[in-house]
Structure formats: structure tokens, C-alpha cells
PDB file of all heavy atoms in Angstrom:
ATOM      1  N   GLU A   1       0.837  -1.200   0.017  1.00  0.00           N
ATOM      2  CA  GLU A   1      -0.011   0.009  -0.002  1.00  0.00           C
ATOM      3  C   GLU A   1       0.879   1.245  -0.010  1.00  0.00           C
ATOM      4  O   GLU A   1       0.570   2.233  -0.693  1.00  0.00           O
ATOM      5  CB  GLU A   1      -0.928   0.016   1.214  1.00  0.00           C
ATOM      6  CG  GLU A   1      -2.033  -1.033   1.184  1.00  0.00           C
ATOM      7  CD  GLU A   1      -1.521  -2.429   1.560  1.00  0.00           C
ATOM      8  OE1 GLU A   1      -0.356  -2.566   2.070  1.00  0.00           O
ATOM      9  OE2 GLU A   1      -2.263  -3.392   1.296  1.00  0.00           O
ATOM     10  N   GLU A   2       1.948   1.269   0.798  1.00  0.00           N
ATOM     11  CA  GLU A   2       2.856   2.426   0.836  1.00  0.00           C
ATOM     12  C   GLU A   2       3.545   2.626  -0.537  1.00  0.00           C
ATOM     13  O   GLU A   2       3.688   3.741  -0.997  1.00  0.00           O
ATOM     14  CB  GLU A   2       3.916   2.222   1.923  1.00  0.00           C
ATOM     15  CG  GLU A   2       3.359   2.338   3.338  1.00  0.00           C
ATOM     16  CD  GLU A   2       4.362   1.885   4.385  1.00  0.00           C
ATOM     17  OE1 GLU A   2       5.300   1.125   4.033  1.00  0.00           O
ATOM     18  OE2 GLU A   2       4.225   2.299   5.543  1.00  0.00           O
ATOM     19  N   ALA A   3       3.947   1.520  -1.145  1.00  0.00           N
ATOM     20  CA  ALA A   3       4.596   1.604  -2.441  1.00  0.00           C
ATOM     21  C   ALA A   3       3.633   2.128  -3.487  1.00  0.00           C
ATOM     22  O   ALA A   3       4.011   2.936  -4.355  1.00  0.00           O
ATOM     23  CB  ALA A   3       5.132   0.234  -2.872  1.00  0.00           C
ATOM     24  N   SER A   4       2.377   1.707  -3.449  1.00  0.00           N
ATOM     25  CA  SER A   4       1.366   2.187  -4.376  1.00  0.00           C
ATOM     26  C   SER A   4       1.100   3.675  -4.166  1.00  0.00           C
ATOM     27  O   SER A   4       0.918   4.438  -5.120  1.00  0.00           O
ATOM     28  CB  SER A   4       0.068   1.403  -4.212  1.00  0.00           C
ATOM     29  OG  SER A   4       0.271   0.035  -4.549  1.00  0.00           O
ATOM     30  N   ALA A   5       1.085   4.097  -2.896  1.00  0.00           N
ATOM     31  CA  ALA A   5       0.880   5.516  -2.577  1.00  0.00           C
ATOM     32  C   ALA A   5       2.022   6.365  -3.137  1.00  0.00           C
ATOM     33  O   ALA A   5       1.782   7.455  -3.686  1.00  0.00           O
ATOM     34  CB  ALA A   5       0.794   5.721  -1.067  1.00  0.00           C
ATOM     35  N   LEU A   6       3.240   5.852  -3.058  1.00  0.00           N
ATOM     36  CA  LEU A   6       4.359   6.589  -3.621  1.00  0.00           C
ATOM     37  C   LEU A   6       4.241   6.701  -5.145  1.00  0.00           C
ATOM     38  O   LEU A   6       4.521   7.747  -5.718  1.00  0.00           O
ATOM     39  CB  LEU A   6       5.692   5.876  -3.265  1.00  0.00           C
ATOM     40  CG  LEU A   6       6.260   6.177  -1.890  1.00  0.00           C
ATOM     41  CD1 LEU A   6       7.438   5.248  -1.623  1.00  0.00           C
ATOM     42  CD2 LEU A   6       6.708   7.635  -1.807  1.00  0.00           C
ATOM     43  N   ALA A   7       3.825   5.615  -5.782  1.00  0.00           N
ATOM     44  CA  ALA A   7       3.647   5.645  -7.243  1.00  0.00           C
ATOM     45  C   ALA A   7       2.624   6.686  -7.639  1.00  0.00           C
ATOM     46  O   ALA A   7       2.822   7.451  -8.589  1.00  0.00           O
ATOM     47  CB  ALA A   7       3.227   4.284  -7.761  1.00  0.00           C
ATOM     48  N   ALA A   8       1.498   6.765  -6.894  1.00  0.00           N
ATOM     49  CA  ALA A   8       0.485   7.762  -7.234  1.00  0.00           C
ATOM     50  C   ALA A   8       0.984   9.186  -6.980  1.00  0.00           C
ATOM     51  O   ALA A   8       0.716  10.087  -7.754  1.00  0.00           O
ATOM     52  CB  ALA A   8      -0.772   7.480  -6.364  1.00  0.00           C
ATOM     53  N   ALA A   9       1.714   9.376  -5.876  1.00  0.00           N
ATOM     54  CA  ALA A   9       2.238  10.708  -5.561  1.00  0.00           C
ATOM     55  C   ALA A   9       3.266  11.173  -6.612  1.00  0.00           C
ATOM     56  O   ALA A   9       3.258  12.327  -7.032  1.00  0.00           O
ATOM     57  CB  ALA A   9       2.880  10.711  -4.182  1.00  0.00           C
ATOM     58  N   LEU A  10       4.106  10.250  -7.029  1.00  0.00           N
ATOM     59  CA  LEU A  10       5.119  10.611  -8.025  1.00  0.00           C
ATOM     60  C   LEU A  10       4.476  10.912  -9.377  1.00  0.00           C
ATOM     61  O   LEU A  10       4.935  11.771 -10.131  1.00  0.00           O
ATOM     62  CB  LEU A  10       6.128   9.468  -8.193  1.00  0.00           C
ATOM     63  CG  LEU A  10       7.061   9.222  -6.977  1.00  0.00           C
ATOM     64  CD1 LEU A  10       7.790   7.918  -7.109  1.00  0.00           C
ATOM     65  CD2 LEU A  10       8.023  10.387  -6.839  1.00  0.00           C
ATOM     66  N   ALA A  11       3.386  10.208  -9.700  1.00  0.00           N
ATOM     67  CA  ALA A  11       2.677  10.440 -10.971  1.00  0.00           C
ATOM     68  C   ALA A  11       2.072  11.851 -11.002  1.00  0.00           C
ATOM     69  O   ALA A  11       1.940  12.461 -12.068  1.00  0.00           O
ATOM     70  CB  ALA A  11       1.594   9.407 -11.177  1.00  0.00           C
ATOM     71  N   ALA A  12       1.720  12.381  -9.833  1.00  0.00           N
ATOM     72  CA  ALA A  12       1.103  13.714  -9.757  1.00  0.00           C
ATOM     73  C   ALA A  12       2.127  14.817  -9.979  1.00  0.00           C
ATOM     74  O   ALA A  12       1.741  15.957 -10.238  1.00  0.00           O
ATOM     75  CB  ALA A  12       0.422  13.898  -8.397  1.00  0.00           C
ATOM     76  N   ALA A  13       3.389  14.487  -9.897  1.00  0.00           N
ATOM     77  CA  ALA A  13       4.434  15.501 -10.112  1.00  0.00           C
ATOM     78  C   ALA A  13       4.748  15.585 -11.603  1.00  0.00           C
ATOM     79  O   ALA A  13       5.624  14.921 -12.127  1.00  0.00           O
ATOM     80  CB  ALA A  13       5.698  15.100  -9.339  1.00  0.00           C
ATOM     81  N   ASP A  14       3.967  16.429 -12.307  1.00  0.00           N
ATOM     82  CA  ASP A  14       4.154  16.587 -13.736  1.00  0.00           C
ATOM     83  C   ASP A  14       5.247  17.607 -14.040  1.00  0.00           C
ATOM     84  O   ASP A  14       5.914  18.107 -13.150  1.00  0.00           O
ATOM     85  CB  ASP A  14       2.846  16.923 -14.411  1.00  0.00           C
ATOM     86  CG  ASP A  14       2.280  18.283 -13.965  1.00  0.00           C
ATOM     87  OD1 ASP A  14       3.055  19.049 -13.352  1.00  0.00           O
ATOM     88  OD2 ASP A  14       1.102  18.544 -14.231  1.00  0.00           O
ATOM     89  N   ALA A  15       5.379  17.928 -15.334  1.00  0.00           N
ATOM     90  CA  ALA A  15       6.482  18.802 -15.764  1.00  0.00           C
ATOM     91  C   ALA A  15       6.384  20.199 -15.175  1.00  0.00           C
ATOM     92  O   ALA A  15       7.404  20.905 -15.108  1.00  0.00           O
ATOM     93  CB  ALA A  15       6.508  18.892 -17.282  1.00  0.00           C
ATOM     94  N   SER A  16       5.188  20.623 -14.738  1.00  0.00           N
ATOM     95  CA  SER A  16       5.046  21.964 -14.204  1.00  0.00           C
ATOM     96  C   SER A  16       5.291  22.024 -12.693  1.00  0.00           C
ATOM     97  O   SER A  16       5.316  23.094 -12.099  1.00  0.00           O
ATOM     98  CB  SER A  16       3.632  22.479 -14.478  1.00  0.00           C
ATOM     99  OG  SER A  16       2.668  21.688 -13.844  1.00  0.00           O
ATOM    100  N   THR A  17       5.468  20.874 -12.068  1.00  0.00           N
ATOM    101  CA  THR A  17       5.709  20.823 -10.603  1.00  0.00           C
ATOM    102  C   THR A  17       7.139  21.284 -10.294  1.00  0.00           C
ATOM    103  O   THR A  17       8.102  20.900 -10.996  1.00  0.00           O
ATOM    104  CB  THR A  17       5.521  19.399 -10.108  1.00  0.00           C
ATOM    105  OG1 THR A  17       4.210  18.944 -10.447  1.00  0.00           O
ATOM    106  CG2 THR A  17       5.685  19.312  -8.610  1.00  0.00           C
ATOM    107  N   PRO A  18       7.320  22.074  -9.270  1.00  0.00           N
ATOM    108  CA  PRO A  18       8.703  22.470  -8.855  1.00  0.00           C
ATOM    109  C   PRO A  18       9.536  21.244  -8.601  1.00  0.00           C
ATOM    110  O   PRO A  18       9.075  20.251  -8.056  1.00  0.00           O
ATOM    111  CB  PRO A  18       8.455  23.288  -7.576  1.00  0.00           C
ATOM    112  CG  PRO A  18       7.067  23.812  -7.721  1.00  0.00           C
ATOM    113  CD  PRO A  18       6.290  22.743  -8.432  1.00  0.00           C
ATOM    114  N   TYR A  19      10.787  21.310  -9.033  1.00  0.00           N
ATOM    115  CA  TYR A  19      11.761  20.221  -8.862  1.00  0.00           C
ATOM    116  C   TYR A  19      11.322  18.918  -9.560  1.00  0.00           C
ATOM    117  O   TYR A  19      11.662  17.813  -9.126  1.00  0.00           O
ATOM    118  CB  TYR A  19      12.025  19.961  -7.381  1.00  0.00           C
ATOM    119  CG  TYR A  19      12.527  21.162  -6.645  1.00  0.00           C
ATOM    120  CD1 TYR A  19      11.625  21.956  -5.903  1.00  0.00           C
ATOM    121  CD2 TYR A  19      13.852  21.542  -6.693  1.00  0.00           C
ATOM    122  CE1 TYR A  19      12.049  23.110  -5.254  1.00  0.00           C
ATOM    123  CE2 TYR A  19      14.305  22.712  -6.036  1.00  0.00           C
ATOM    124  CZ  TYR A  19      13.419  23.452  -5.322  1.00  0.00           C
ATOM    125  OH  TYR A  19      13.850  24.606  -4.671  1.00  0.00           O
ATOM    126  N   ALA A  20      10.598  19.046 -10.694  1.00  0.00           N
ATOM    127  CA  ALA A  20      10.105  17.864 -11.412  1.00  0.00           C
ATOM    128  C   ALA A  20      11.242  16.980 -11.890  1.00  0.00           C
ATOM    129  O   ALA A  20      11.145  15.764 -11.852  1.00  0.00           O
ATOM    130  CB  ALA A  20       9.243  18.303 -12.602  1.00  0.00           C
ATOM    131  N   GLY A  21      12.370  17.599 -12.336  1.00  0.00           N
ATOM    132  CA  GLY A  21      13.500  16.827 -12.769  1.00  0.00           C
ATOM    133  C   GLY A  21      14.085  15.995 -11.650  1.00  0.00           C
ATOM    134  O   GLY A  21      14.421  14.811 -11.822  1.00  0.00           O
ATOM    135  N   ALA A  22      14.201  16.597 -10.471  1.00  0.00           N
ATOM    136  CA  ALA A  22      14.738  15.871  -9.315  1.00  0.00           C
ATOM    137  C   ALA A  22      13.785  14.778  -8.855  1.00  0.00           C
ATOM    138  O   ALA A  22      14.218  13.757  -8.308  1.00  0.00           O
ATOM    139  CB  ALA A  22      15.022  16.862  -8.166  1.00  0.00           C
ATOM    140  N   VAL A  23      12.479  15.009  -9.065  1.00  0.00           N
ATOM    141  CA  VAL A  23      11.478  13.976  -8.699  1.00  0.00           C
ATOM    142  C   VAL A  23      11.772  12.702  -9.474  1.00  0.00           C
ATOM    143  O   VAL A  23      11.700  11.584  -8.920  1.00  0.00           O
ATOM    144  CB  VAL A  23      10.051  14.486  -8.973  1.00  0.00           C
ATOM    145  CG1 VAL A  23       9.050  13.296  -8.907  1.00  0.00           C
ATOM    146  CG2 VAL A  23       9.656  15.526  -7.948  1.00  0.00           C
ATOM    147  N   ARG A  24      12.098  12.826 -10.752  1.00  0.00           N
ATOM    148  CA  ARG A  24      12.331  11.631 -11.582  1.00  0.00           C
ATOM    149  C   ARG A  24      13.538  10.837 -11.067  1.00  0.00           C
ATOM    150  O   ARG A  24      13.500   9.616 -10.962  1.00  0.00           O
ATOM    151  CB  ARG A  24      12.566  12.044 -13.007  1.00  0.00           C
ATOM    152  CG  ARG A  24      11.263  12.468 -13.738  1.00  0.00           C
ATOM    153  CD  ARG A  24      11.486  12.560 -15.242  1.00  0.00           C
ATOM    154  NE  ARG A  24      12.424  13.625 -15.607  1.00  0.00           N
ATOM    155  CZ  ARG A  24      12.038  14.884 -15.775  1.00  0.00           C
ATOM    156  NH1 ARG A  24      10.760  15.223 -15.683  1.00  0.00           N
ATOM    157  NH2 ARG A  24      12.922  15.802 -16.131  1.00  0.00           N
ATOM    158  N   THR A  25      14.652  11.541 -10.736  1.00  0.00           N
ATOM    159  CA  THR A  25      15.828  10.816 -10.289  1.00  0.00           C
ATOM    160  C   THR A  25      15.592  10.239  -8.912  1.00  0.00           C
ATOM    161  O   THR A  25      16.072   9.149  -8.570  1.00  0.00           O
ATOM    162  CB  THR A  25      17.069  11.735 -10.273  1.00  0.00           C
ATOM    163  OG1 THR A  25      16.795  12.878  -9.469  1.00  0.00           O
ATOM    164  CG2 THR A  25      17.397  12.146 -11.707  1.00  0.00           C
ATOM    165  N   ALA A  26      14.845  10.959  -8.019  1.00  0.00           N
ATOM    166  CA  ALA A  26      14.525  10.430  -6.717  1.00  0.00           C
ATOM    167  C   ALA A  26      13.665   9.169  -6.842  1.00  0.00           C
ATOM    168  O   ALA A  26      13.851   8.193  -6.114  1.00  0.00           O
ATOM    169  CB  ALA A  26      13.783  11.472  -5.892  1.00  0.00           C
ATOM    170  N   ALA A  27      12.734   9.172  -7.803  1.00  0.00           N
ATOM    171  CA  ALA A  27      11.866   8.002  -8.013  1.00  0.00           C
ATOM    172  C   ALA A  27      12.693   6.807  -8.436  1.00  0.00           C
ATOM    173  O   ALA A  27      12.433   5.670  -7.997  1.00  0.00           O
ATOM    174  CB  ALA A  27      10.816   8.319  -9.056  1.00  0.00           C
ATOM    175  N   GLN A  28      13.702   7.026  -9.252  1.00  0.00           N
ATOM    176  CA  GLN A  28      14.565   5.943  -9.694  1.00  0.00           C
ATOM    177  C   GLN A  28      15.335   5.322  -8.527  1.00  0.00           C
ATOM    178  O   GLN A  28      15.490   4.130  -8.425  1.00  0.00           O
ATOM    179  CB  GLN A  28      15.511   6.423 -10.788  1.00  0.00           C
ATOM    180  CG  GLN A  28      14.809   6.708 -12.096  1.00  0.00           C
ATOM    181  CD  GLN A  28      15.688   7.416 -13.102  1.00  0.00           C
ATOM    182  OE1 GLN A  28      16.527   8.272 -12.718  1.00  0.00           O
ATOM    183  NE2 GLN A  28      15.545   7.110 -14.364  1.00  0.00           N
ATOM    184  N   LYS A  29      15.783   6.197  -7.634  1.00  0.00           N
ATOM    185  CA  LYS A  29      16.510   5.702  -6.464  1.00  0.00           C
ATOM    186  C   LYS A  29      15.609   4.916  -5.523  1.00  0.00           C
ATOM    187  O   LYS A  29      15.983   3.863  -4.985  1.00  0.00           O
ATOM    188  CB  LYS A  29      17.162   6.866  -5.712  1.00  0.00           C
ATOM    189  CG  LYS A  29      18.274   7.545  -6.476  1.00  0.00           C
ATOM    190  CD  LYS A  29      18.812   8.743  -5.693  1.00  0.00           C
ATOM    191  CE  LYS A  29      19.893   9.475  -6.493  1.00  0.00           C
ATOM    192  NZ  LYS A  29      20.411  10.667  -5.764  1.00  0.00           N
ATOM    193  N   ILE A  30      14.408   5.425  -5.318  1.00  0.00           N
ATOM    194  CA  ILE A  30      13.450   4.742  -4.444  1.00  0.00           C
ATOM    195  C   ILE A  30      13.059   3.382  -5.052  1.00  0.00           C
ATOM    196  O   ILE A  30      13.027   2.349  -4.368  1.00  0.00           O
ATOM    197  CB  ILE A  30      12.191   5.580  -4.235  1.00  0.00           C
ATOM    198  CG1 ILE A  30      12.517   6.824  -3.410  1.00  0.00           C
ATOM    199  CG2 ILE A  30      11.085   4.770  -3.535  1.00  0.00           C
ATOM    200  CD1 ILE A  30      11.407   7.827  -3.288  1.00  0.00           C
ATOM    201  N   ALA A  31      12.840   3.360  -6.379  1.00  0.00           N
ATOM    202  CA  ALA A  31      12.488   2.128  -7.041  1.00  0.00           C
ATOM    203  C   ALA A  31      13.596   1.086  -6.921  1.00  0.00           C
ATOM    204  O   ALA A  31      13.351  -0.113  -6.730  1.00  0.00           O
ATOM    205  CB  ALA A  31      12.159   2.401  -8.511  1.00  0.00           C
ATOM    206  N   ALA A  32      14.842   1.558  -7.027  1.00  0.00           N
ATOM    207  CA  ALA A  32      15.965   0.629  -6.912  1.00  0.00           C
ATOM    208  C   ALA A  32      16.119   0.070  -5.512  1.00  0.00           C
ATOM    209  O   ALA A  32      16.666  -1.023  -5.318  1.00  0.00           O
ATOM    210  CB  ALA A  32      17.249   1.324  -7.292  1.00  0.00           C
ATOM    211  N   ALA A  33      15.593   0.786  -4.503  1.00  0.00           N
ATOM    212  CA  ALA A  33      15.706   0.353  -3.121  1.00  0.00           C
ATOM    213  C   ALA A  33      14.546  -0.529  -2.666  1.00  0.00           C
ATOM    214  O   ALA A  33      14.616  -1.134  -1.616  1.00  0.00           O
ATOM    215  CB  ALA A  33      15.847   1.556  -2.196  1.00  0.00           C
ATOM    216  N   MET A  34      13.460  -0.550  -3.443  1.00  0.00           N
ATOM    217  CA  MET A  34      12.304  -1.363  -3.064  1.00  0.00           C
ATOM    218  C   MET A  34      12.475  -2.805  -3.511  1.00  0.00           C
ATOM    219  O   MET A  34      13.043  -3.075  -4.568  1.00  0.00           O
ATOM    220  CB  MET A  34      11.017  -0.779  -3.677  1.00  0.00           C
ATOM    221  CG  MET A  34      10.527   0.451  -3.009  1.00  0.00           C
ATOM    222  SD  MET A  34       8.829   0.902  -3.477  1.00  0.00           S
ATOM    223  CE  MET A  34       9.025   1.239  -5.205  1.00  0.00           C
ATOM    224  N   THR A  35      11.994  -3.714  -2.718  1.00  0.00           N
ATOM    225  CA  THR A  35      12.126  -5.118  -3.066  1.00  0.00           C
ATOM    226  C   THR A  35      10.784  -5.829  -2.841  1.00  0.00           C
ATOM    227  O   THR A  35       9.870  -5.302  -2.185  1.00  0.00           O
ATOM    228  CB  THR A  35      13.181  -5.817  -2.189  1.00  0.00           C
ATOM    229  OG1 THR A  35      12.810  -5.670  -0.812  1.00  0.00           O
ATOM    230  CG2 THR A  35      14.548  -5.218  -2.421  1.00  0.00           C
ATOM    231  N   GLY A  36      10.678  -7.061  -3.351  1.00  0.00           N
ATOM    232  CA  GLY A  36       9.551  -7.948  -3.047  1.00  0.00           C
ATOM    233  C   GLY A  36       8.191  -7.416  -3.488  1.00  0.00           C
ATOM    234  O   GLY A  36       8.053  -6.722  -4.481  1.00  0.00           O
ATOM    235  N   PRO A  37       7.143  -7.735  -2.689  1.00  0.00           N
ATOM    236  CA  PRO A  37       5.750  -7.373  -3.043  1.00  0.00           C
ATOM    237  C   PRO A  37       5.565  -5.847  -3.188  1.00  0.00           C
ATOM    238  O   PRO A  37       4.776  -5.435  -4.006  1.00  0.00           O
ATOM    239  CB  PRO A  37       4.957  -7.881  -1.842  1.00  0.00           C
ATOM    240  CG  PRO A  37       5.795  -8.985  -1.243  1.00  0.00           C
ATOM    241  CD  PRO A  37       7.198  -8.550  -1.468  1.00  0.00           C
ATOM    242  N   ALA A  38       6.303  -5.050  -2.450  1.00  0.00           N
ATOM    243  CA  ALA A  38       6.175  -3.600  -2.548  1.00  0.00           C
ATOM    244  C   ALA A  38       6.580  -3.120  -3.942  1.00  0.00           C
ATOM    245  O   ALA A  38       5.890  -2.330  -4.557  1.00  0.00           O
ATOM    246  CB  ALA A  38       7.008  -2.909  -1.488  1.00  0.00           C
ATOM    247  N   SER A  39       7.694  -3.638  -4.403  1.00  0.00           N
ATOM    248  CA  SER A  39       8.176  -3.262  -5.729  1.00  0.00           C
ATOM    249  C   SER A  39       7.178  -3.684  -6.808  1.00  0.00           C
ATOM    250  O   SER A  39       6.874  -2.913  -7.736  1.00  0.00           O
ATOM    251  CB  SER A  39       9.546  -3.894  -6.010  1.00  0.00           C
ATOM    252  OG  SER A  39      10.002  -3.555  -7.293  1.00  0.00           O
ATOM    253  N   ALA A  40       6.659  -4.881  -6.671  1.00  0.00           N
ATOM    254  CA  ALA A  40       5.676  -5.393  -7.646  1.00  0.00           C
ATOM    255  C   ALA A  40       4.397  -4.542  -7.639  1.00  0.00           C
ATOM    256  O   ALA A  40       3.849  -4.247  -8.698  1.00  0.00           O
ATOM    257  CB  ALA A  40       5.364  -6.867  -7.355  1.00  0.00           C
TER     258      ALA A  40
END
């Protein structure tokens, strides 16, 4: 549920959102750190 909430929150950060570029790289780091059912 927490992983899904993060996915939804990150999706809301579109190109007009402040620090949108940094959001993308932060998302990649978080995704790389998630494992198991949460990642799926």
C-alpha cells in the first residue's frame, strides 16, 4: 500500500511541478531500493 501511494504521488508530479526533474531521479533511487511485493 505504501509503495502504491508513492507511485500515485510521483505520478502527480508533472512537468510543471517544482523540482520535477529531481522527482524523476529520486523516483529511480526509491524504485531501486524497493524489493519484493512492494516493488511489484
